[in-house]
Amino acid sequence: MELEGELDLQGFLALNDAIRPGYQKIRGRVKIKSDADPETLEKLRQAVNAHCPVLDIISNPVPLELELVHETAEDAERVPSAG
C-alpha cells in the first residue's frame, strides 16, 4: 500500500491560522496480484472500503475527548509502595 498526502506546513507550524493543520488531501494506492477479473476486484475494493475502520475515521468526523494529566517531576520520581 502506498499513501501520500497534501499538507500545508503553514497550518501545521501555526504560521497561518486560516490554514488547517491537518492534511488537505490523502491519496492511497493498493497494488494486488490476482487472476480475478476487474469486476470481482472492484467488488472486493467496495467491500473493504465499506468496513475499513481507518477509512471511516478519516472520512467521517469522530467525537474526540482529550484529557490533560499534569504530572510533576516529583510525581514521576515517586515509587509506589508495595502492599
N, C-alpha and C. Protein backbone atom coordinates (compact mmCIF):
# COMPACT_ATOMS: atom_id res chain seq x y z
N MET A 1 0.83 -1.16 0.00
CA MET A 1 0.00 0.00 0.00
C MET A 1 0.89 1.23 0.00
N GLU A 2 0.50 2.21 -0.78
CA GLU A 2 1.19 3.49 -0.83
C GLU A 2 0.21 4.57 -0.42
N LEU A 3 0.65 5.47 0.45
CA LEU A 3 -0.17 6.62 0.84
C LEU A 3 0.65 7.88 0.65
N GLU A 4 -0.02 8.92 0.21
CA GLU A 4 0.61 10.23 0.13
C GLU A 4 -0.44 11.27 0.45
N GLY A 5 0.00 12.41 0.92
CA GLY A 5 -0.96 13.43 1.29
C GLY A 5 -0.44 14.82 1.04
N GLU A 6 -1.37 15.75 1.02
CA GLU A 6 -1.04 17.16 0.86
C GLU A 6 -1.21 17.83 2.22
N LEU A 7 -0.15 18.46 2.68
CA LEU A 7 -0.11 19.12 3.99
C LEU A 7 0.52 20.48 3.82
N ASP A 8 -0.19 21.52 4.22
CA ASP A 8 0.34 22.88 4.14
C ASP A 8 1.03 23.17 5.48
N LEU A 9 2.33 23.28 5.47
CA LEU A 9 3.09 23.47 6.70
C LEU A 9 2.79 24.78 7.41
N GLN A 10 2.21 25.75 6.71
CA GLN A 10 1.84 27.00 7.37
C GLN A 10 0.81 26.75 8.48
N GLY A 11 -0.11 25.82 8.24
CA GLY A 11 -1.08 25.47 9.26
C GLY A 11 -0.46 24.62 10.35
N PHE A 12 0.31 23.64 9.96
CA PHE A 12 0.95 22.72 10.91
C PHE A 12 1.88 23.48 11.87
N LEU A 13 2.60 24.47 11.35
CA LEU A 13 3.55 25.22 12.17
C LEU A 13 2.94 26.47 12.79
N ALA A 14 1.61 26.63 12.67
CA ALA A 14 0.86 27.77 13.23
C ALA A 14 1.34 29.10 12.67
N LEU A 15 1.72 29.12 11.41
CA LEU A 15 2.14 30.36 10.77
C LEU A 15 0.97 31.09 10.14
N ASN A 16 -0.12 30.36 9.89
CA ASN A 16 -1.30 30.95 9.26
C ASN A 16 -2.54 30.26 9.84
N ASP A 17 -3.31 31.00 10.65
CA ASP A 17 -4.49 30.41 11.30
C ASP A 17 -5.61 30.10 10.32
N ALA A 18 -5.54 30.63 9.10
CA ALA A 18 -6.58 30.36 8.11
C ALA A 18 -6.38 28.99 7.45
N ILE A 19 -5.25 28.35 7.68
CA ILE A 19 -4.95 27.05 7.07
C ILE A 19 -5.00 25.99 8.16
N ARG A 20 -5.79 24.96 7.92
CA ARG A 20 -5.91 23.90 8.92
C ARG A 20 -4.58 23.14 9.07
N PRO A 21 -4.29 22.63 10.26
CA PRO A 21 -3.01 21.97 10.49
C PRO A 21 -2.93 20.55 9.94
N GLY A 22 -4.06 19.98 9.56
CA GLY A 22 -4.06 18.61 9.08
C GLY A 22 -3.91 18.51 7.58
N TYR A 23 -4.00 17.30 7.10
CA TYR A 23 -3.89 17.04 5.66
C TYR A 23 -5.09 17.62 4.92
N GLN A 24 -4.82 18.20 3.77
CA GLN A 24 -5.89 18.71 2.91
C GLN A 24 -6.41 17.59 2.01
N LYS A 25 -5.58 16.63 1.70
CA LYS A 25 -5.98 15.50 0.85
C LYS A 25 -5.04 14.33 1.12
N ILE A 26 -5.61 13.12 1.09
CA ILE A 26 -4.82 11.90 1.23
C ILE A 26 -5.18 11.00 0.06
N ARG A 27 -4.16 10.45 -0.57
CA ARG A 27 -4.36 9.52 -1.69
C ARG A 27 -3.70 8.19 -1.33
N GLY A 28 -4.35 7.11 -1.70
CA GLY A 28 -3.81 5.78 -1.43
C GLY A 28 -3.87 4.91 -2.66
N ARG A 29 -2.94 3.97 -2.72
CA ARG A 29 -2.89 3.03 -3.84
C ARG A 29 -2.54 1.66 -3.28
N VAL A 30 -3.38 0.69 -3.62
CA VAL A 30 -3.13 -0.69 -3.23
C VAL A 30 -2.83 -1.48 -4.49
N LYS A 31 -1.69 -2.15 -4.49
CA LYS A 31 -1.33 -2.99 -5.63
C LYS A 31 -1.65 -4.43 -5.27
N ILE A 32 -2.28 -5.14 -6.19
CA ILE A 32 -2.67 -6.51 -5.94
C ILE A 32 -2.36 -7.37 -7.15
N LYS A 33 -1.79 -8.53 -6.90
CA LYS A 33 -1.57 -9.50 -7.97
C LYS A 33 -2.68 -10.53 -7.85
N SER A 34 -3.44 -10.70 -8.91
CA SER A 34 -4.58 -11.60 -8.86
C SER A 34 -4.98 -12.01 -10.27
N ASP A 35 -5.54 -13.18 -10.36
CA ASP A 35 -6.11 -13.64 -11.62
C ASP A 35 -7.59 -13.28 -11.71
N ALA A 36 -8.10 -12.62 -10.69
CA ALA A 36 -9.52 -12.26 -10.68
C ALA A 36 -9.81 -11.20 -11.75
N ASP A 37 -11.04 -11.20 -12.22
CA ASP A 37 -11.44 -10.22 -13.23
C ASP A 37 -11.67 -8.86 -12.54
N PRO A 38 -11.64 -7.77 -13.32
CA PRO A 38 -11.80 -6.43 -12.75
C PRO A 38 -13.10 -6.24 -11.95
N GLU A 39 -14.18 -6.86 -12.37
CA GLU A 39 -15.45 -6.73 -11.63
C GLU A 39 -15.33 -7.33 -10.23
N THR A 40 -14.68 -8.48 -10.12
CA THR A 40 -14.51 -9.12 -8.82
C THR A 40 -13.62 -8.26 -7.92
N LEU A 41 -12.55 -7.71 -8.49
CA LEU A 41 -11.66 -6.86 -7.71
C LEU A 41 -12.36 -5.58 -7.28
N GLU A 42 -13.22 -5.04 -8.11
CA GLU A 42 -13.98 -3.85 -7.73
C GLU A 42 -14.94 -4.17 -6.58
N LYS A 43 -15.57 -5.33 -6.62
CA LYS A 43 -16.45 -5.74 -5.51
C LYS A 43 -15.64 -5.88 -4.22
N LEU A 44 -14.44 -6.43 -4.33
CA LEU A 44 -13.57 -6.56 -3.17
C LEU A 44 -13.21 -5.18 -2.62
N ARG A 45 -12.84 -4.26 -3.51
CA ARG A 45 -12.49 -2.89 -3.08
C ARG A 45 -13.66 -2.24 -2.35
N GLN A 46 -14.85 -2.38 -2.89
CA GLN A 46 -16.03 -1.79 -2.27
C GLN A 46 -16.31 -2.40 -0.90
N ALA A 47 -16.16 -3.72 -0.79
CA ALA A 47 -16.40 -4.39 0.49
C ALA A 47 -15.38 -3.95 1.54
N VAL A 48 -14.12 -3.86 1.14
CA VAL A 48 -13.08 -3.42 2.08
C VAL A 48 -13.35 -1.98 2.50
N ASN A 49 -13.63 -1.11 1.55
CA ASN A 49 -13.89 0.30 1.88
C ASN A 49 -15.09 0.45 2.79
N ALA A 50 -16.10 -0.38 2.62
CA ALA A 50 -17.32 -0.27 3.42
C ALA A 50 -17.09 -0.66 4.88
N HIS A 51 -16.02 -1.43 5.17
CA HIS A 51 -15.81 -1.94 6.52
C HIS A 51 -14.45 -1.58 7.10
N CYS A 52 -13.72 -0.70 6.45
CA CYS A 52 -12.38 -0.33 6.91
C CYS A 52 -12.47 0.76 7.99
N PRO A 53 -12.04 0.47 9.22
CA PRO A 53 -12.13 1.47 10.27
C PRO A 53 -11.24 2.69 10.03
N VAL A 54 -10.09 2.50 9.42
CA VAL A 54 -9.20 3.63 9.15
C VAL A 54 -9.83 4.56 8.11
N LEU A 55 -10.37 4.01 7.04
CA LEU A 55 -11.06 4.82 6.05
C LEU A 55 -12.23 5.56 6.68
N ASP A 56 -12.95 4.89 7.56
CA ASP A 56 -14.10 5.51 8.22
C ASP A 56 -13.70 6.71 9.07
N ILE A 57 -12.66 6.57 9.90
CA ILE A 57 -12.30 7.69 10.78
C ILE A 57 -11.69 8.85 10.01
N ILE A 58 -11.09 8.57 8.86
CA ILE A 58 -10.54 9.65 8.04
C ILE A 58 -11.66 10.36 7.28
N SER A 59 -12.68 9.62 6.88
CA SER A 59 -13.75 10.16 6.04
C SER A 59 -14.87 10.81 6.82
N ASN A 60 -15.04 10.46 8.09
CA ASN A 60 -16.17 10.95 8.88
C ASN A 60 -15.69 11.56 10.19
N PRO A 61 -16.35 12.61 10.63
CA PRO A 61 -15.99 13.19 11.93
C PRO A 61 -16.20 12.16 13.05
N VAL A 62 -15.26 12.10 13.96
CA VAL A 62 -15.34 11.20 15.09
C VAL A 62 -15.22 12.03 16.36
N PRO A 63 -16.18 11.90 17.29
CA PRO A 63 -16.05 12.64 18.55
C PRO A 63 -14.74 12.26 19.24
N LEU A 64 -14.06 13.25 19.75
CA LEU A 64 -12.76 13.02 20.36
C LEU A 64 -12.72 13.74 21.70
N GLU A 65 -12.26 13.06 22.71
CA GLU A 65 -12.07 13.67 24.01
C GLU A 65 -10.60 13.54 24.38
N LEU A 66 -9.96 14.66 24.62
CA LEU A 66 -8.55 14.65 25.03
C LEU A 66 -8.47 15.14 26.47
N GLU A 67 -7.71 14.45 27.27
CA GLU A 67 -7.55 14.79 28.67
C GLU A 67 -6.09 15.15 28.92
N LEU A 68 -5.87 16.21 29.67
CA LEU A 68 -4.52 16.60 30.06
C LEU A 68 -4.31 16.13 31.49
N VAL A 69 -3.33 15.27 31.68
CA VAL A 69 -2.97 14.80 33.01
C VAL A 69 -1.63 15.43 33.35
N HIS A 70 -1.64 16.30 34.35
CA HIS A 70 -0.42 17.01 34.72
C HIS A 70 0.32 16.21 35.79
N GLU A 71 1.56 15.91 35.49
CA GLU A 71 2.40 15.17 36.43
C GLU A 71 3.65 15.99 36.63
N THR A 72 4.02 16.24 37.87
CA THR A 72 5.24 16.98 38.14
C THR A 72 6.43 16.02 38.12
N ALA A 73 7.61 16.58 38.06
CA ALA A 73 8.81 15.74 38.09
C ALA A 73 8.87 14.96 39.39
N GLU A 74 8.40 15.58 40.48
CA GLU A 74 8.38 14.90 41.78
C GLU A 74 7.44 13.69 41.74
N ASP A 75 6.28 13.84 41.11
CA ASP A 75 5.33 12.71 40.98
C ASP A 75 5.97 11.57 40.22
N ALA A 76 6.71 11.88 39.17
CA ALA A 76 7.30 10.85 38.31
C ALA A 76 8.38 10.08 39.05
N GLU A 77 9.03 10.71 40.02
CA GLU A 77 10.13 10.05 40.74
C GLU A 77 9.65 9.18 41.89
N ARG A 78 8.41 9.37 42.32
CA ARG A 78 7.88 8.58 43.44
C ARG A 78 7.73 7.12 43.01
N VAL A 79 8.11 6.24 43.90
CA VAL A 79 7.94 4.80 43.65
C VAL A 79 6.74 4.36 44.46
N PRO A 80 5.75 3.74 43.80
CA PRO A 80 4.57 3.28 44.57
C PRO A 80 4.97 2.25 45.62
N SER A 81 4.33 2.35 46.78
CA SER A 81 4.65 1.39 47.84
C SER A 81 3.95 0.07 47.55
N ALA A 82 4.64 -1.01 47.86
CA ALA A 82 4.05 -2.35 47.66
C ALA A 82 3.17 -2.67 48.85
N GLY A 83 1.97 -3.15 48.57
CA GLY A 83 1.12 -3.67 49.63
C GLY A 83 0.07 -2.75 49.97
